[in-house]
């Protein structure tokens, strides 16, 4: 799946923006290993290139990260002086 290769620094907005969208472009497709295709057979048994279903044949992927800012559910700041390490939760993805 995913691993941290680059760092995203989260800074709360100074205005009433609740959504941010970040894009990291040009990652090698892990499904086809950057080839953009797989070899397959057509109806006559001849070799043919089948486009990768993940990258649609480009061999590259872009990561789109959406950050939604919302009010904290707890009025107390996290331990460690505001460090949020370990307080992430899964879910809410699309």
PDB file of N, CA and C in Angstrom:
ATOM      1  N   UNK A   1       0.838  -1.171   0.000  1.00  0.00           N
ATOM      2  CA  UNK A   1       0.000   0.000   0.000  1.00  0.00           C
ATOM      3  C   UNK A   1       0.883   1.234   0.000  1.00  0.00           C
ATOM      4  N   UNK A   2       0.597   2.204   0.828  1.00  0.00           N
ATOM      5  CA  UNK A   2       1.352   3.453   0.835  1.00  0.00           C
ATOM      6  C   UNK A   2       2.357   3.480   1.967  1.00  0.00           C
ATOM      7  N   UNK A   3       3.382   4.257   1.785  1.00  0.00           N
ATOM      8  CA  UNK A   3       4.350   4.509   2.830  1.00  0.00           C
ATOM      9  C   UNK A   3       4.743   5.972   2.745  1.00  0.00           C
ATOM     10  N   UNK A   4       5.311   6.490   3.817  1.00  0.00           N
ATOM     11  CA  UNK A   4       5.715   7.880   3.832  1.00  0.00           C
ATOM     12  C   UNK A   4       7.044   8.002   3.103  1.00  0.00           C
ATOM     13  N   UNK A   5       7.034   8.700   1.974  1.00  0.00           N
ATOM     14  CA  UNK A   5       8.243   8.913   1.200  1.00  0.00           C
ATOM     15  C   UNK A   5       8.565  10.401   1.174  1.00  0.00           C
ATOM     16  N   UNK A   6       7.543  11.203   1.191  1.00  0.00           N
ATOM     17  CA  UNK A   6       7.656  12.656   1.250  1.00  0.00           C
ATOM     18  C   UNK A   6       6.820  13.118   2.432  1.00  0.00           C
ATOM     19  N   UNK A   7       7.125  14.270   2.953  1.00  0.00           N
ATOM     20  CA  UNK A   7       6.428  14.735   4.147  1.00  0.00           C
ATOM     21  C   UNK A   7       5.447  15.851   3.789  1.00  0.00           C
ATOM     22  N   UNK A   8       4.269  15.790   4.374  1.00  0.00           N
ATOM     23  CA  UNK A   8       3.280  16.840   4.238  1.00  0.00           C
ATOM     24  C   UNK A   8       3.195  17.546   5.582  1.00  0.00           C
ATOM     25  N   UNK A   9       3.365  18.850   5.577  1.00  0.00           N
ATOM     26  CA  UNK A   9       3.275  19.635   6.798  1.00  0.00           C
ATOM     27  C   UNK A   9       1.888  20.271   6.831  1.00  0.00           C
ATOM     28  N   UNK A  10       1.132  19.951   7.871  1.00  0.00           N
ATOM     29  CA  UNK A  10      -0.219  20.487   8.010  1.00  0.00           C
ATOM     30  C   UNK A  10      -0.184  21.752   8.859  1.00  0.00           C
ATOM     31  N   UNK A  11      -0.718  22.831   8.312  1.00  0.00           N
ATOM     32  CA  UNK A  11      -0.808  24.097   9.022  1.00  0.00           C
ATOM     33  C   UNK A  11      -2.247  24.571   8.930  1.00  0.00           C
ATOM     34  N   UNK A  12      -2.908  24.803  10.085  1.00  0.00           N
ATOM     35  CA  UNK A  12      -4.297  25.258  10.044  1.00  0.00           C
ATOM     36  C   UNK A  12      -4.428  26.567   9.260  1.00  0.00           C
ATOM     37  N   UNK A  13      -5.499  26.696   8.493  1.00  0.00           N
ATOM     38  CA  UNK A  13      -5.685  27.906   7.690  1.00  0.00           C
ATOM     39  C   UNK A  13      -5.993  29.122   8.558  1.00  0.00           C
ATOM     40  N   UNK A  14      -5.643  30.300   8.062  1.00  0.00           N
ATOM     41  CA  UNK A  14      -5.923  31.552   8.777  1.00  0.00           C
ATOM     42  C   UNK A  14      -7.284  32.116   8.397  1.00  0.00           C
ATOM     43  N   UNK A  15      -7.887  31.580   7.370  1.00  0.00           N
ATOM     44  CA  UNK A  15      -9.209  32.030   6.971  1.00  0.00           C
ATOM     45  C   UNK A  15     -10.187  30.873   7.070  1.00  0.00           C
ATOM     46  N   UNK A  16     -11.396  31.087   6.658  1.00  0.00           N
ATOM     47  CA  UNK A  16     -12.437  30.087   6.832  1.00  0.00           C
ATOM     48  C   UNK A  16     -12.422  29.033   5.723  1.00  0.00           C
ATOM     49  N   UNK A  17     -11.279  28.522   5.406  1.00  0.00           N
ATOM     50  CA  UNK A  17     -11.182  27.438   4.429  1.00  0.00           C
ATOM     51  C   UNK A  17     -11.292  26.117   5.181  1.00  0.00           C
ATOM     52  N   UNK A  18     -12.175  25.246   4.739  1.00  0.00           N
ATOM     53  CA  UNK A  18     -12.338  23.965   5.425  1.00  0.00           C
ATOM     54  C   UNK A  18     -11.759  22.803   4.637  1.00  0.00           C
ATOM     55  N   UNK A  19     -11.485  23.003   3.359  1.00  0.00           N
ATOM     56  CA  UNK A  19     -10.926  21.941   2.534  1.00  0.00           C
ATOM     57  C   UNK A  19      -9.668  22.423   1.819  1.00  0.00           C
ATOM     58  N   UNK A  20      -8.685  21.551   1.770  1.00  0.00           N
ATOM     59  CA  UNK A  20      -7.479  21.808   1.003  1.00  0.00           C
ATOM     60  C   UNK A  20      -7.241  20.599   0.118  1.00  0.00           C
ATOM     61  N   UNK A  21      -6.652  20.818  -1.034  1.00  0.00           N
ATOM     62  CA  UNK A  21      -6.344  19.719  -1.945  1.00  0.00           C
ATOM     63  C   UNK A  21      -4.887  19.848  -2.374  1.00  0.00           C
ATOM     64  N   UNK A  22      -4.121  18.802  -2.111  1.00  0.00           N
ATOM     65  CA  UNK A  22      -2.716  18.764  -2.474  1.00  0.00           C
ATOM     66  C   UNK A  22      -2.522  17.679  -3.522  1.00  0.00           C
ATOM     67  N   UNK A  23      -1.656  17.928  -4.493  1.00  0.00           N
ATOM     68  CA  UNK A  23      -1.402  16.953  -5.548  1.00  0.00           C
ATOM     69  C   UNK A  23       0.097  16.690  -5.627  1.00  0.00           C
ATOM     70  N   UNK A  24       0.459  15.424  -5.601  1.00  0.00           N
ATOM     71  CA  UNK A  24       1.836  14.992  -5.780  1.00  0.00           C
ATOM     72  C   UNK A  24       1.880  14.209  -7.085  1.00  0.00           C
ATOM     73  N   UNK A  25       2.563  14.746  -8.078  1.00  0.00           N
ATOM     74  CA  UNK A  25       2.502  14.191  -9.424  1.00  0.00           C
ATOM     75  C   UNK A  25       3.694  13.300  -9.761  1.00  0.00           C
ATOM     76  N   UNK A  26       3.473  12.418 -10.735  1.00  0.00           N
ATOM     77  CA  UNK A  26       4.548  11.684 -11.365  1.00  0.00           C
ATOM     78  C   UNK A  26       5.088  10.478 -10.637  1.00  0.00           C
ATOM     79  N   UNK A  27       4.267   9.751  -9.904  1.00  0.00           N
ATOM     80  CA  UNK A  27       4.714   8.539  -9.224  1.00  0.00           C
ATOM     81  C   UNK A  27       4.630   7.356 -10.180  1.00  0.00           C
ATOM     82  N   UNK A  28       5.592   6.465 -10.136  1.00  0.00           N
ATOM     83  CA  UNK A  28       5.577   5.269 -10.967  1.00  0.00           C
ATOM     84  C   UNK A  28       4.441   4.356 -10.524  1.00  0.00           C
ATOM     85  N   UNK A  29       3.664   3.881 -11.466  1.00  0.00           N
ATOM     86  CA  UNK A  29       2.554   2.990 -11.153  1.00  0.00           C
ATOM     87  C   UNK A  29       3.103   1.683 -10.583  1.00  0.00           C
ATOM     88  N   UNK A  30       2.648   1.316  -9.410  1.00  0.00           N
ATOM     89  CA  UNK A  30       3.095   0.088  -8.770  1.00  0.00           C
ATOM     90  C   UNK A  30       2.391  -1.151  -9.300  1.00  0.00           C
ATOM     91  N   UNK A  31       1.267  -0.960  -9.963  1.00  0.00           N
ATOM     92  CA  UNK A  31       0.495  -2.089 -10.475  1.00  0.00           C
ATOM     93  C   UNK A  31       1.159  -2.692 -11.710  1.00  0.00           C
ATOM     94  N   UNK A  32       1.603  -1.824 -12.628  1.00  0.00           N
ATOM     95  CA  UNK A  32       2.262  -2.302 -13.855  1.00  0.00           C
ATOM     96  C   UNK A  32       3.764  -2.019 -13.829  1.00  0.00           C
ATOM     97  N   UNK A  33       4.270  -1.490 -12.706  1.00  0.00           N
ATOM     98  CA  UNK A  33       5.688  -1.154 -12.531  1.00  0.00           C
ATOM     99  C   UNK A  33       6.176  -0.139 -13.554  1.00  0.00           C
ATOM    100  N   UNK A  34       5.287   0.780 -13.945  1.00  0.00           N
ATOM    101  CA  UNK A  34       5.662   1.843 -14.865  1.00  0.00           C
ATOM    102  C   UNK A  34       5.608   1.477 -16.337  1.00  0.00           C
ATOM    103  N   UNK A  35       5.261   0.237 -16.645  1.00  0.00           N
ATOM    104  CA  UNK A  35       5.172  -0.167 -18.057  1.00  0.00           C
ATOM    105  C   UNK A  35       3.975   0.465 -18.767  1.00  0.00           C
ATOM    106  N   UNK A  36       2.872   0.593 -18.052  1.00  0.00           N
ATOM    107  CA  UNK A  36       1.655   1.132 -18.653  1.00  0.00           C
ATOM    108  C   UNK A  36       0.790   0.084 -19.314  1.00  0.00           C
ATOM    109  N   UNK A  37       1.257  -1.150 -19.355  1.00  0.00           N
ATOM    110  CA  UNK A  37       0.498  -2.203 -20.034  1.00  0.00           C
ATOM    111  C   UNK A  37       0.856  -3.566 -19.461  1.00  0.00           C
ATOM    112  N   UNK A  38       0.055  -4.541 -19.842  1.00  0.00           N
ATOM    113  CA  UNK A  38       0.314  -5.958 -19.578  1.00  0.00           C
ATOM    114  C   UNK A  38       0.186  -6.695 -20.906  1.00  0.00           C
ATOM    115  N   UNK A  39       0.936  -7.772 -21.056  1.00  0.00           N
ATOM    116  CA  UNK A  39       0.792  -8.585 -22.248  1.00  0.00           C
ATOM    117  C   UNK A  39      -0.389  -9.533 -22.064  1.00  0.00           C
ATOM    118  N   UNK A  40      -1.200  -9.622 -23.078  1.00  0.00           N
ATOM    119  CA  UNK A  40      -2.341 -10.522 -23.063  1.00  0.00           C
ATOM    120  C   UNK A  40      -2.498 -11.163 -24.430  1.00  0.00           C
ATOM    121  N   UNK A  41      -3.567 -11.925 -24.587  1.00  0.00           N
ATOM    122  CA  UNK A  41      -3.848 -12.593 -25.867  1.00  0.00           C
ATOM    123  C   UNK A  41      -5.167 -12.084 -26.426  1.00  0.00           C
ATOM    124  N   UNK A  42      -5.189 -11.848 -27.741  1.00  0.00           N
ATOM    125  CA  UNK A  42      -6.442 -11.450 -28.371  1.00  0.00           C
ATOM    126  C   UNK A  42      -7.266 -12.687 -28.720  1.00  0.00           C
ATOM    127  N   UNK A  43      -8.370 -12.500 -29.440  1.00  0.00           N
ATOM    128  CA  UNK A  43      -9.262 -13.623 -29.752  1.00  0.00           C
ATOM    129  C   UNK A  43      -8.642 -14.647 -30.698  1.00  0.00           C
ATOM    130  N   UNK A  44      -7.528 -14.285 -31.350  1.00  0.00           N
ATOM    131  CA  UNK A  44      -6.845 -15.198 -32.266  1.00  0.00           C
ATOM    132  C   UNK A  44      -5.605 -15.835 -31.631  1.00  0.00           C
ATOM    133  N   UNK A  45      -5.366 -15.566 -30.351  1.00  0.00           N
ATOM    134  CA  UNK A  45      -4.213 -16.119 -29.657  1.00  0.00           C
ATOM    135  C   UNK A  45      -2.930 -15.359 -29.890  1.00  0.00           C
ATOM    136  N   UNK A  46      -3.031 -14.184 -30.495  1.00  0.00           N
ATOM    137  CA  UNK A  46      -1.862 -13.334 -30.748  1.00  0.00           C
ATOM    138  C   UNK A  46      -1.590 -12.451 -29.521  1.00  0.00           C
ATOM    139  N   UNK A  47      -0.320 -12.160 -29.297  1.00  0.00           N
ATOM    140  CA  UNK A  47       0.035 -11.266 -28.196  1.00  0.00           C
ATOM    141  C   UNK A  47      -0.471  -9.857 -28.474  1.00  0.00           C
ATOM    142  N   UNK A  48      -0.969  -9.221 -27.415  1.00  0.00           N
ATOM    143  CA  UNK A  48      -1.387  -7.826 -27.524  1.00  0.00           C
ATOM    144  C   UNK A  48      -1.148  -7.133 -26.187  1.00  0.00           C
ATOM    145  N   UNK A  49      -0.916  -5.838 -26.257  1.00  0.00           N
ATOM    146  CA  UNK A  49      -0.730  -5.039 -25.049  1.00  0.00           C
ATOM    147  C   UNK A  49      -2.098  -4.624 -24.524  1.00  0.00           C
ATOM    148  N   UNK A  50      -2.317  -4.876 -23.222  1.00  0.00           N
ATOM    149  CA  UNK A  50      -3.544  -4.460 -22.552  1.00  0.00           C
ATOM    150  C   UNK A  50      -3.184  -3.313 -21.621  1.00  0.00           C
ATOM    151  N   UNK A  51      -3.824  -2.150 -21.772  1.00  0.00           N
ATOM    152  CA  UNK A  51      -3.485  -1.013 -20.898  1.00  0.00           C
ATOM    153  C   UNK A  51      -3.721  -1.341 -19.423  1.00  0.00           C
ATOM    154  N   UNK A  52      -2.874  -0.810 -18.583  1.00  0.00           N
ATOM    155  CA  UNK A  52      -3.000  -0.990 -17.134  1.00  0.00           C
ATOM    156  C   UNK A  52      -4.288  -0.315 -16.658  1.00  0.00           C
ATOM    157  N   UNK A  53      -5.098  -1.002 -15.836  1.00  0.00           N
ATOM    158  CA  UNK A  53      -6.345  -0.400 -15.356  1.00  0.00           C
ATOM    159  C   UNK A  53      -6.125   0.712 -14.322  1.00  0.00           C
ATOM    160  N   UNK A  54      -4.953   0.747 -13.692  1.00  0.00           N
ATOM    161  CA  UNK A  54      -4.693   1.781 -12.679  1.00  0.00           C
ATOM    162  C   UNK A  54      -4.252   3.100 -13.310  1.00  0.00           C
ATOM    163  N   UNK A  55      -3.234   3.045 -14.179  1.00  0.00           N
ATOM    164  CA  UNK A  55      -2.660   4.273 -14.745  1.00  0.00           C
ATOM    165  C   UNK A  55      -3.196   4.568 -16.142  1.00  0.00           C
ATOM    166  N   UNK A  56      -4.069   3.733 -16.648  1.00  0.00           N
ATOM    167  CA  UNK A  56      -4.681   3.890 -17.978  1.00  0.00           C
ATOM    168  C   UNK A  56      -3.642   3.944 -19.093  1.00  0.00           C
ATOM    169  N   UNK A  57      -2.521   3.239 -18.895  1.00  0.00           N
ATOM    170  CA  UNK A  57      -1.510   3.142 -19.936  1.00  0.00           C
ATOM    171  C   UNK A  57      -0.380   4.149 -19.853  1.00  0.00           C
ATOM    172  N   UNK A  58      -0.434   5.072 -18.908  1.00  0.00           N
ATOM    173  CA  UNK A  58       0.607   6.107 -18.827  1.00  0.00           C
ATOM    174  C   UNK A  58       1.848   5.640 -18.070  1.00  0.00           C
ATOM    175  N   UNK A  59       1.686   4.675 -17.165  1.00  0.00           N
ATOM    176  CA  UNK A  59       2.806   4.229 -16.340  1.00  0.00           C
ATOM    177  C   UNK A  59       3.068   5.113 -15.138  1.00  0.00           C
ATOM    178  N   UNK A  60       2.320   6.197 -15.009  1.00  0.00           N
ATOM    179  CA  UNK A  60       2.509   7.159 -13.923  1.00  0.00           C
ATOM    180  C   UNK A  60       1.179   7.401 -13.203  1.00  0.00           C
ATOM    181  N   UNK A  61       1.278   7.755 -11.919  1.00  0.00           N
ATOM    182  CA  UNK A  61       0.098   8.079 -11.113  1.00  0.00           C
ATOM    183  C   UNK A  61       0.330   9.392 -10.375  1.00  0.00           C
ATOM    184  N   UNK A  62      -0.740  10.114 -10.127  1.00  0.00           N
ATOM    185  CA  UNK A  62      -0.706  11.312  -9.302  1.00  0.00           C
ATOM    186  C   UNK A  62      -1.453  11.021  -8.008  1.00  0.00           C
ATOM    187  N   UNK A  63      -0.898  11.465  -6.892  1.00  0.00           N
ATOM    188  CA  UNK A  63      -1.559  11.305  -5.591  1.00  0.00           C
ATOM    189  C   UNK A  63      -2.330  12.587  -5.290  1.00  0.00           C
ATOM    190  N   UNK A  64      -3.611  12.454  -4.992  1.00  0.00           N
ATOM    191  CA  UNK A  64      -4.448  13.595  -4.635  1.00  0.00           C
ATOM    192  C   UNK A  64      -4.811  13.454  -3.160  1.00  0.00           C
ATOM    193  N   UNK A  65      -4.393  14.419  -2.351  1.00  0.00           N
ATOM    194  CA  UNK A  65      -4.618  14.387  -0.910  1.00  0.00           C
ATOM    195  C   UNK A  65      -5.594  15.504  -0.558  1.00  0.00           C
ATOM    196  N   UNK A  66      -6.695  15.153   0.094  1.00  0.00           N
ATOM    197  CA  UNK A  66      -7.682  16.134   0.510  1.00  0.00           C
ATOM    198  C   UNK A  66      -7.642  16.235   2.029  1.00  0.00           C
ATOM    199  N   UNK A  67      -7.493  17.457   2.532  1.00  0.00           N
ATOM    200  CA  UNK A  67      -7.477  17.711   3.971  1.00  0.00           C
ATOM    201  C   UNK A  67      -8.748  18.478   4.314  1.00  0.00           C
ATOM    202  N   UNK A  68      -9.515  17.930   5.242  1.00  0.00           N
ATOM    203  CA  UNK A  68     -10.726  18.603   5.713  1.00  0.00           C
ATOM    204  C   UNK A  68     -10.471  19.088   7.127  1.00  0.00           C
ATOM    205  N   UNK A  69     -10.619  20.394   7.344  1.00  0.00           N
ATOM    206  CA  UNK A  69     -10.443  20.970   8.669  1.00  0.00           C
ATOM    207  C   UNK A  69     -11.799  21.043   9.345  1.00  0.00           C
ATOM    208  N   UNK A  70     -11.857  20.549  10.590  1.00  0.00           N
ATOM    209  CA  UNK A  70     -13.106  20.594  11.348  1.00  0.00           C
ATOM    210  C   UNK A  70     -12.784  20.898  12.802  1.00  0.00           C
ATOM    211  N   UNK A  71     -13.791  21.259  13.546  1.00  0.00           N
ATOM    212  CA  UNK A  71     -13.608  21.570  14.964  1.00  0.00           C
ATOM    213  C   UNK A  71     -13.161  20.320  15.714  1.00  0.00           C
ATOM    214  N   UNK A  72     -12.302  20.513  16.684  1.00  0.00           N
ATOM    215  CA  UNK A  72     -11.816  19.390  17.493  1.00  0.00           C
ATOM    216  C   UNK A  72     -12.953  18.832  18.326  1.00  0.00           C
ATOM    217  N   UNK A  73     -12.953  17.517  18.528  1.00  0.00           N
ATOM    218  CA  UNK A  73     -13.989  16.895  19.339  1.00  0.00           C
ATOM    219  C   UNK A  73     -13.650  16.984  20.814  1.00  0.00           C
ATOM    220  N   UNK A  74     -12.399  17.283  21.133  1.00  0.00           N
ATOM    221  CA  UNK A  74     -11.960  17.420  22.517  1.00  0.00           C
ATOM    222  C   UNK A  74     -11.382  18.817  22.703  1.00  0.00           C
ATOM    223  N   UNK A  75     -11.750  19.514  23.778  1.00  0.00           N
ATOM    224  CA  UNK A  75     -11.221  20.866  23.993  1.00  0.00           C
ATOM    225  C   UNK A  75      -9.764  20.868  24.455  1.00  0.00           C
ATOM    226  N   UNK A  76      -9.253  19.729  24.925  1.00  0.00           N
ATOM    227  CA  UNK A  76      -7.882  19.673  25.425  1.00  0.00           C
ATOM    228  C   UNK A  76      -6.904  19.435  24.279  1.00  0.00           C
ATOM    229  N   UNK A  77      -5.751  20.145  24.279  1.00  0.00           N
ATOM    230  CA  UNK A  77      -4.743  19.875  23.251  1.00  0.00           C
ATOM    231  C   UNK A  77      -4.126  18.504  23.479  1.00  0.00           C
ATOM    232  N   UNK A  78      -3.605  17.873  22.431  1.00  0.00           N
ATOM    233  CA  UNK A  78      -2.965  16.571  22.599  1.00  0.00           C
ATOM    234  C   UNK A  78      -1.703  16.687  23.438  1.00  0.00           C
ATOM    235  N   UNK A  79      -1.335  15.570  24.072  1.00  0.00           N
ATOM    236  CA  UNK A  79      -0.107  15.556  24.863  1.00  0.00           C
ATOM    237  C   UNK A  79       1.082  15.763  23.943  1.00  0.00           C
ATOM    238  N   UNK A  80       2.133  16.358  24.467  1.00  0.00           N
ATOM    239  CA  UNK A  80       3.332  16.573  23.675  1.00  0.00           C
ATOM    240  C   UNK A  80       3.372  17.955  23.054  1.00  0.00           C
ATOM    241  N   UNK A  81       2.605  18.902  23.568  1.00  0.00           N
ATOM    242  CA  UNK A  81       2.672  20.270  23.081  1.00  0.00           C
ATOM    243  C   UNK A  81       2.145  20.465  21.675  1.00  0.00           C
ATOM    244  N   UNK A  82       1.097  19.764  21.312  1.00  0.00           N
ATOM    245  CA  UNK A  82       0.484  19.965  20.015  1.00  0.00           C
ATOM    246  C   UNK A  82       0.926  18.972  18.959  1.00  0.00           C
ATOM    247  N   UNK A  83       1.803  18.075  19.301  1.00  0.00           N
ATOM    248  CA  UNK A  83       2.242  17.059  18.346  1.00  0.00           C
ATOM    249  C   UNK A  83       1.107  16.060  18.135  1.00  0.00           C
ATOM    250  N   UNK A  84       0.768  15.807  16.899  1.00  0.00           N
ATOM    251  CA  UNK A  84      -0.341  14.917  16.605  1.00  0.00           C
ATOM    252  C   UNK A  84       0.111  13.519  16.216  1.00  0.00           C
ATOM    253  N   UNK A  85       1.349  13.190  16.475  1.00  0.00           N
ATOM    254  CA  UNK A  85       1.850  11.868  16.092  1.00  0.00           C
ATOM    255  C   UNK A  85       1.018  10.787  16.761  1.00  0.00           C
ATOM    256  N   UNK A  86       0.549   9.843  15.977  1.00  0.00           N
ATOM    257  CA  UNK A  86      -0.200   8.718  16.514  1.00  0.00           C
ATOM    258  C   UNK A  86      -1.667   8.990  16.728  1.00  0.00           C
ATOM    259  N   UNK A  87      -2.171  10.165  16.325  1.00  0.00           N
ATOM    260  CA  UNK A  87      -3.585  10.466  16.556  1.00  0.00           C
ATOM    261  C   UNK A  87      -4.383  10.413  15.270  1.00  0.00           C
ATOM    262  N   UNK A  88      -3.827   9.861  14.220  1.00  0.00           N
ATOM    263  CA  UNK A  88      -4.554   9.759  12.963  1.00  0.00           C
ATOM    264  C   UNK A  88      -5.490   8.575  13.012  1.00  0.00           C
ATOM    265  N   UNK A  89      -6.608   8.696  12.337  1.00  0.00           N
ATOM    266  CA  UNK A  89      -7.543   7.576  12.266  1.00  0.00           C
ATOM    267  C   UNK A  89      -7.833   7.291  10.806  1.00  0.00           C
ATOM    268  N   UNK A  90      -8.135   6.025  10.523  1.00  0.00           N
ATOM    269  CA  UNK A  90      -8.450   5.629   9.158  1.00  0.00           C
ATOM    270  C   UNK A  90      -9.926   5.837   8.908  1.00  0.00           C
ATOM    271  N   UNK A  91     -10.286   5.840   7.654  1.00  0.00           N
ATOM    272  CA  UNK A  91     -11.688   5.968   7.300  1.00  0.00           C
ATOM    273  C   UNK A  91     -11.952   7.322   6.689  1.00  0.00           C
ATOM    274  N   UNK A  92     -13.149   7.468   6.189  1.00  0.00           N
ATOM    275  CA  UNK A  92     -13.541   8.725   5.570  1.00  0.00           C
ATOM    276  C   UNK A  92     -12.966   8.917   4.185  1.00  0.00           C
ATOM    277  N   UNK A  93     -12.247   7.895   3.694  1.00  0.00           N
ATOM    278  CA  UNK A  93     -11.655   7.999   2.375  1.00  0.00           C
ATOM    279  C   UNK A  93     -12.680   7.790   1.280  1.00  0.00           C
ATOM    280  N   UNK A  94     -12.282   8.115   0.049  1.00  0.00           N
ATOM    281  CA  UNK A  94     -13.209   7.973  -1.063  1.00  0.00           C
ATOM    282  C   UNK A  94     -12.857   6.798  -1.897  1.00  0.00           C
TER     283      UNK A  94
END
